[in-house]
Amino acid sequence: MLIDVVREALDAEGWSYEVVAERGACVLSVSGRSTLYRCIAAADEGLEQVAVLVVAPQRVPEATRVAVCEYLMRVNFGLRIGSFDLDFSDGEFRFRTAVDMEGGLLAPRMVQTMLGYALATMDVYHDGVLRVAFGGAGVEAALAEARTVLAEETAAADRDEGGDEPAVDIDAIIAELEQDRE
């Protein structure tokens, strides 16, 4: 069962979590840079899908939801995996990633990677949401600041791994393809 693999992945990392059996989910809390996130790893056995959600505890005020939505859509446009969601009815924002396992096998490492990626992505962009929602920051300024943090962390990780090869620059590839079409 997929939920068993999810639990195996969490257990292997030493995470404390609550099982919500009727939902096929494991729920845990994880500390980020500036807040405590609620994480949900859910397995839909019938659809053969696994989803990981990282939910911020803050709610975006109604007056700033459109600006925060713009910020999150600009972030989403640059992401290869997963996306941010904003619930316009209550202001909840979260990061979501999922995989359809139909015809495949789920490995604990896949769940760990999904959770790690979702947490890291939320943590990089979370404070920008708060700056736009509560601090009056402009969307582009908040996004530039988040991308600076991301670039610094990526460079530090590359140095730690000793990697000489740069990551694939998807934006450069898209720009080249668009030029070819013109």
C-alpha atoms as a PDB file:
ATOM      1  CA  MET A   1       0.000   0.000   0.000  1.00  0.00           C
ATOM      2  CA  LEU A   2       1.204   3.522  -0.785  1.00  0.00           C
ATOM      3  CA  ILE A   3       0.549   4.829   2.733  1.00  0.00           C
ATOM      4  CA  ASP A   4       2.863   2.143   4.099  1.00  0.00           C
ATOM      5  CA  VAL A   5       5.677   3.456   1.890  1.00  0.00           C
ATOM      6  CA  VAL A   6       4.914   7.010   3.061  1.00  0.00           C
ATOM      7  CA  ARG A   7       5.164   5.864   6.679  1.00  0.00           C
ATOM      8  CA  GLU A   8       8.376   3.961   5.955  1.00  0.00           C
ATOM      9  CA  ALA A   9       9.878   7.120   4.443  1.00  0.00           C
ATOM     10  CA  LEU A  10       8.925   9.257   7.443  1.00  0.00           C
ATOM     11  CA  ASP A  11      10.107   6.620   9.918  1.00  0.00           C
ATOM     12  CA  ALA A  12      13.473   6.330   8.147  1.00  0.00           C
ATOM     13  CA  GLU A  13      13.989  10.075   8.630  1.00  0.00           C
ATOM     14  CA  GLY A  14      12.917   9.939  12.283  1.00  0.00           C
ATOM     15  CA  TRP A  15       9.924  12.227  11.759  1.00  0.00           C
ATOM     16  CA  SER A  16       7.155  12.282  14.367  1.00  0.00           C
ATOM     17  CA  TYR A  17       3.756  12.264  12.725  1.00  0.00           C
ATOM     18  CA  GLU A  18       0.106  11.507  13.224  1.00  0.00           C
ATOM     19  CA  VAL A  19      -1.677   8.996  10.999  1.00  0.00           C
ATOM     20  CA  VAL A  20      -5.117  10.050   9.790  1.00  0.00           C
ATOM     21  CA  ALA A  21      -6.220   6.635   8.540  1.00  0.00           C
ATOM     22  CA  GLU A  22      -9.584   7.688   7.112  1.00  0.00           C
ATOM     23  CA  ARG A  23      -7.759  10.207   4.907  1.00  0.00           C
ATOM     24  CA  GLY A  24      -4.821   7.963   4.051  1.00  0.00           C
ATOM     25  CA  ALA A  25      -2.493  10.652   5.349  1.00  0.00           C
ATOM     26  CA  CYS A  26       0.349  11.366   7.694  1.00  0.00           C
ATOM     27  CA  VAL A  27       0.456  14.819   9.284  1.00  0.00           C
ATOM     28  CA  LEU A  28       3.548  16.357  10.836  1.00  0.00           C
ATOM     29  CA  SER A  29       4.901  19.712  11.917  1.00  0.00           C
ATOM     30  CA  VAL A  30       8.254  20.965  10.674  1.00  0.00           C
ATOM     31  CA  SER A  31      10.138  24.102  11.694  1.00  0.00           C
ATOM     32  CA  GLY A  32      11.217  26.361   8.878  1.00  0.00           C
ATOM     33  CA  ARG A  33      13.365  29.487   8.961  1.00  0.00           C
ATOM     34  CA  SER A  34      10.647  31.662  10.403  1.00  0.00           C
ATOM     35  CA  THR A  35       7.609  29.521  11.158  1.00  0.00           C
ATOM     36  CA  LEU A  36       6.250  26.063  11.910  1.00  0.00           C
ATOM     37  CA  TYR A  37       4.683  24.377   8.877  1.00  0.00           C
ATOM     38  CA  ARG A  38       2.004  21.698   8.854  1.00  0.00           C
ATOM     39  CA  CYS A  39       2.942  18.968   6.396  1.00  0.00           C
ATOM     40  CA  ILE A  40       0.587  16.385   4.976  1.00  0.00           C
ATOM     41  CA  ALA A  41       1.698  13.333   3.038  1.00  0.00           C
ATOM     42  CA  ALA A  42      -1.406  11.696   1.606  1.00  0.00           C
ATOM     43  CA  ALA A  43      -1.816   8.515  -0.391  1.00  0.00           C
ATOM     44  CA  ASP A  44      -4.884   7.868  -2.529  1.00  0.00           C
ATOM     45  CA  GLU A  45      -4.802   4.108  -3.023  1.00  0.00           C
ATOM     46  CA  GLY A  46      -7.663   4.109  -5.550  1.00  0.00           C
ATOM     47  CA  LEU A  47      -6.088   6.711  -7.820  1.00  0.00           C
ATOM     48  CA  GLU A  48      -2.566   5.470  -7.075  1.00  0.00           C
ATOM     49  CA  GLN A  49      -1.377   8.992  -6.227  1.00  0.00           C
ATOM     50  CA  VAL A  50       0.737  10.462  -3.465  1.00  0.00           C
ATOM     51  CA  ALA A  51       0.651  14.150  -2.595  1.00  0.00           C
ATOM     52  CA  VAL A  52       2.719  16.227  -0.208  1.00  0.00           C
ATOM     53  CA  LEU A  53       1.372  19.545   1.064  1.00  0.00           C
ATOM     54  CA  VAL A  54       3.240  22.104   3.140  1.00  0.00           C
ATOM     55  CA  VAL A  55       0.770  24.521   4.697  1.00  0.00           C
ATOM     56  CA  ALA A  56       1.770  27.866   6.201  1.00  0.00           C
ATOM     57  CA  PRO A  57       0.108  28.783   9.509  1.00  0.00           C
ATOM     58  CA  GLN A  58      -0.623  32.364   8.475  1.00  0.00           C
ATOM     59  CA  ARG A  59      -3.680  33.388   6.491  1.00  0.00           C
ATOM     60  CA  VAL A  60      -3.457  36.065   3.819  1.00  0.00           C
ATOM     61  CA  PRO A  61      -5.851  38.943   4.565  1.00  0.00           C
ATOM     62  CA  GLU A  62      -8.586  39.430   2.000  1.00  0.00           C
ATOM     63  CA  ALA A  63      -7.278  42.897   1.117  1.00  0.00           C
ATOM     64  CA  THR A  64      -3.909  41.526  -0.060  1.00  0.00           C
ATOM     65  CA  ARG A  65      -4.944  38.196  -1.627  1.00  0.00           C
ATOM     66  CA  VAL A  66      -4.768  39.473  -5.205  1.00  0.00           C
ATOM     67  CA  ALA A  67      -1.216  40.771  -4.709  1.00  0.00           C
ATOM     68  CA  VAL A  68      -0.143  37.550  -2.980  1.00  0.00           C
ATOM     69  CA  CYS A  69      -1.757  35.563  -5.780  1.00  0.00           C
ATOM     70  CA  GLU A  70       0.339  37.501  -8.299  1.00  0.00           C
ATOM     71  CA  TYR A  71       3.470  36.794  -6.249  1.00  0.00           C
ATOM     72  CA  LEU A  72       2.688  33.063  -6.071  1.00  0.00           C
ATOM     73  CA  MET A  73       1.833  32.820  -9.776  1.00  0.00           C
ATOM     74  CA  ARG A  74       5.136  34.473 -10.648  1.00  0.00           C
ATOM     75  CA  VAL A  75       6.881  31.935  -8.415  1.00  0.00           C
ATOM     76  CA  ASN A  76       4.926  29.039  -9.950  1.00  0.00           C
ATOM     77  CA  PHE A  77       5.904  30.066 -13.459  1.00  0.00           C
ATOM     78  CA  GLY A  78       9.533  29.314 -12.658  1.00  0.00           C
ATOM     79  CA  LEU A  79       9.003  26.003 -10.876  1.00  0.00           C
ATOM     80  CA  ARG A  80       9.537  22.668 -12.583  1.00  0.00           C
ATOM     81  CA  ILE A  81       7.923  20.561  -9.881  1.00  0.00           C
ATOM     82  CA  GLY A  82       4.949  21.411  -7.700  1.00  0.00           C
ATOM     83  CA  SER A  83       3.098  24.662  -7.216  1.00  0.00           C
ATOM     84  CA  PHE A  84       1.759  27.112  -4.689  1.00  0.00           C
ATOM     85  CA  ASP A  85      -1.958  27.329  -3.989  1.00  0.00           C
ATOM     86  CA  LEU A  86      -3.901  30.198  -2.452  1.00  0.00           C
ATOM     87  CA  ASP A  87      -7.414  29.664  -1.156  1.00  0.00           C
ATOM     88  CA  PHE A  88      -9.265  32.883  -1.881  1.00  0.00           C
ATOM     89  CA  SER A  89     -12.045  31.986   0.566  1.00  0.00           C
ATOM     90  CA  ASP A  90      -9.901  31.869   3.716  1.00  0.00           C
ATOM     91  CA  GLY A  91      -6.392  33.011   2.724  1.00  0.00           C
ATOM     92  CA  GLU A  92      -4.642  29.679   3.285  1.00  0.00           C
ATOM     93  CA  PHE A  93      -1.496  29.238   1.204  1.00  0.00           C
ATOM     94  CA  ARG A  94       0.435  26.053   0.691  1.00  0.00           C
ATOM     95  CA  PHE A  95       2.926  24.317  -1.539  1.00  0.00           C
ATOM     96  CA  ARG A  96       1.852  21.092  -3.226  1.00  0.00           C
ATOM     97  CA  THR A  97       3.671  18.370  -5.085  1.00  0.00           C
ATOM     98  CA  ALA A  98       2.341  14.988  -6.155  1.00  0.00           C
ATOM     99  CA  VAL A  99       3.094  11.905  -8.171  1.00  0.00           C
ATOM    100  CA  ASP A 100       0.838   9.498 -10.046  1.00  0.00           C
ATOM    101  CA  MET A 101       2.126   5.989  -9.388  1.00  0.00           C
ATOM    102  CA  GLU A 102      -0.169   4.121 -11.776  1.00  0.00           C
ATOM    103  CA  GLY A 103       1.898   1.259 -13.158  1.00  0.00           C
ATOM    104  CA  GLY A 104       4.918   2.220 -11.060  1.00  0.00           C
ATOM    105  CA  LEU A 105       6.414   1.586  -7.668  1.00  0.00           C
ATOM    106  CA  LEU A 106       6.725   4.163  -4.928  1.00  0.00           C
ATOM    107  CA  ALA A 107      10.030   4.151  -3.051  1.00  0.00           C
ATOM    108  CA  PRO A 108      10.592   5.749   0.359  1.00  0.00           C
ATOM    109  CA  ARG A 109      13.306   7.955  -1.156  1.00  0.00           C
ATOM    110  CA  MET A 110      10.720   9.434  -3.546  1.00  0.00           C
ATOM    111  CA  VAL A 111       8.522  10.495  -0.626  1.00  0.00           C
ATOM    112  CA  GLN A 112      11.520  11.932   1.224  1.00  0.00           C
ATOM    113  CA  THR A 113      12.509  13.909  -1.877  1.00  0.00           C
ATOM    114  CA  MET A 114       8.961  15.222  -2.359  1.00  0.00           C
ATOM    115  CA  LEU A 115       8.750  16.337   1.256  1.00  0.00           C
ATOM    116  CA  GLY A 116      12.226  17.885   1.241  1.00  0.00           C
ATOM    117  CA  TYR A 117      11.570  19.757  -1.993  1.00  0.00           C
ATOM    118  CA  ALA A 118       8.169  20.999  -0.820  1.00  0.00           C
ATOM    119  CA  LEU A 119       9.576  22.209   2.498  1.00  0.00           C
ATOM    120  CA  ALA A 120      12.579  23.910   0.907  1.00  0.00           C
ATOM    121  CA  THR A 121      10.429  25.639  -1.707  1.00  0.00           C
ATOM    122  CA  MET A 122       7.901  26.873   0.853  1.00  0.00           C
ATOM    123  CA  ASP A 123      10.699  28.072   3.097  1.00  0.00           C
ATOM    124  CA  VAL A 124      12.353  30.103   0.317  1.00  0.00           C
ATOM    125  CA  TYR A 125       9.159  31.893  -0.760  1.00  0.00           C
ATOM    126  CA  HIS A 126       7.181  32.011   2.515  1.00  0.00           C
ATOM    127  CA  ASP A 127       8.627  35.268   3.830  1.00  0.00           C
ATOM    128  CA  GLY A 128       7.918  36.965   0.504  1.00  0.00           C
ATOM    129  CA  VAL A 129       4.253  36.068   0.905  1.00  0.00           C
ATOM    130  CA  LEU A 130       4.283  37.661   4.354  1.00  0.00           C
ATOM    131  CA  ARG A 131       6.053  40.787   3.082  1.00  0.00           C
ATOM    132  CA  VAL A 132       3.423  41.245   0.377  1.00  0.00           C
ATOM    133  CA  ALA A 133       0.485  40.278   2.621  1.00  0.00           C
ATOM    134  CA  PHE A 134       1.404  42.164   5.775  1.00  0.00           C
ATOM    135  CA  GLY A 135       4.396  44.407   5.073  1.00  0.00           C
ATOM    136  CA  GLY A 136       3.295  46.360   2.039  1.00  0.00           C
ATOM    137  CA  ALA A 137       6.151  45.042  -0.118  1.00  0.00           C
ATOM    138  CA  GLY A 138       5.745  45.074  -3.856  1.00  0.00           C
ATOM    139  CA  VAL A 139       5.425  41.746  -5.628  1.00  0.00           C
ATOM    140  CA  GLU A 140       8.552  42.178  -7.742  1.00  0.00           C
ATOM    141  CA  ALA A 141      10.693  43.325  -4.807  1.00  0.00           C
ATOM    142  CA  ALA A 142       9.595  40.379  -2.651  1.00  0.00           C
ATOM    143  CA  LEU A 143      10.224  37.981  -5.520  1.00  0.00           C
ATOM    144  CA  ALA A 144      13.689  39.419  -6.210  1.00  0.00           C
ATOM    145  CA  GLU A 145      14.603  39.040  -2.552  1.00  0.00           C
ATOM    146  CA  ALA A 146      13.398  35.416  -2.453  1.00  0.00           C
ATOM    147  CA  ARG A 147      15.317  34.601  -5.623  1.00  0.00           C
ATOM    148  CA  THR A 148      18.471  36.118  -4.125  1.00  0.00           C
ATOM    149  CA  VAL A 149      18.096  33.827  -1.106  1.00  0.00           C
ATOM    150  CA  LEU A 150      17.520  30.875  -3.434  1.00  0.00           C
ATOM    151  CA  ALA A 151      20.603  31.690  -5.510  1.00  0.00           C
ATOM    152  CA  GLU A 152      22.754  31.984  -2.387  1.00  0.00           C
ATOM    153  CA  GLU A 153      21.485  28.678  -1.009  1.00  0.00           C
ATOM    154  CA  THR A 154      21.945  26.935  -4.351  1.00  0.00           C
ATOM    155  CA  ALA A 155      25.519  28.209  -4.637  1.00  0.00           C
ATOM    156  CA  ALA A 156      26.272  27.086  -1.081  1.00  0.00           C
ATOM    157  CA  ALA A 157      24.800  23.634  -1.762  1.00  0.00           C
ATOM    158  CA  ASP A 158      26.828  23.331  -4.968  1.00  0.00           C
ATOM    159  CA  ARG A 159      29.999  24.218  -3.050  1.00  0.00           C
ATOM    160  CA  ASP A 160      29.153  21.666  -0.349  1.00  0.00           C
ATOM    161  CA  GLU A 161      28.602  18.958  -2.957  1.00  0.00           C
ATOM    162  CA  GLY A 162      31.748  19.928  -4.835  1.00  0.00           C
ATOM    163  CA  GLY A 163      29.802  20.026  -8.087  1.00  0.00           C
ATOM    164  CA  ASP A 164      31.409  21.756 -11.029  1.00  0.00           C
ATOM    165  CA  GLU A 165      28.484  21.299 -13.394  1.00  0.00           C
ATOM    166  CA  PRO A 166      25.825  24.003 -13.196  1.00  0.00           C
ATOM    167  CA  ALA A 167      22.176  23.027 -12.868  1.00  0.00           C
ATOM    168  CA  VAL A 168      20.027  23.001 -15.980  1.00  0.00           C
ATOM    169  CA  ASP A 169      18.790  26.537 -16.642  1.00  0.00           C
ATOM    170  CA  ILE A 170      15.220  25.914 -17.798  1.00  0.00           C
ATOM    171  CA  ASP A 171      14.602  29.644 -18.322  1.00  0.00           C
ATOM    172  CA  ALA A 172      17.520  29.855 -20.776  1.00  0.00           C
ATOM    173  CA  ILE A 173      16.248  26.815 -22.662  1.00  0.00           C
ATOM    174  CA  ILE A 174      12.746  28.296 -22.944  1.00  0.00           C
ATOM    175  CA  ALA A 175      14.181  31.632 -24.118  1.00  0.00           C
ATOM    176  CA  GLU A 176      16.161  29.840 -26.840  1.00  0.00           C
ATOM    177  CA  LEU A 177      13.101  27.907 -27.983  1.00  0.00           C
ATOM    178  CA  GLU A 178      11.058  31.101 -28.141  1.00  0.00           C
ATOM    179  CA  GLN A 179      13.756  32.781 -30.235  1.00  0.00           C
ATOM    180  CA  ASP A 180      13.792  29.809 -32.612  1.00  0.00           C
ATOM    181  CA  ARG A 181      10.047  30.213 -33.170  1.00  0.00           C
ATOM    182  CA  GLU A 182      10.378  33.882 -34.132  1.00  0.00           C
END
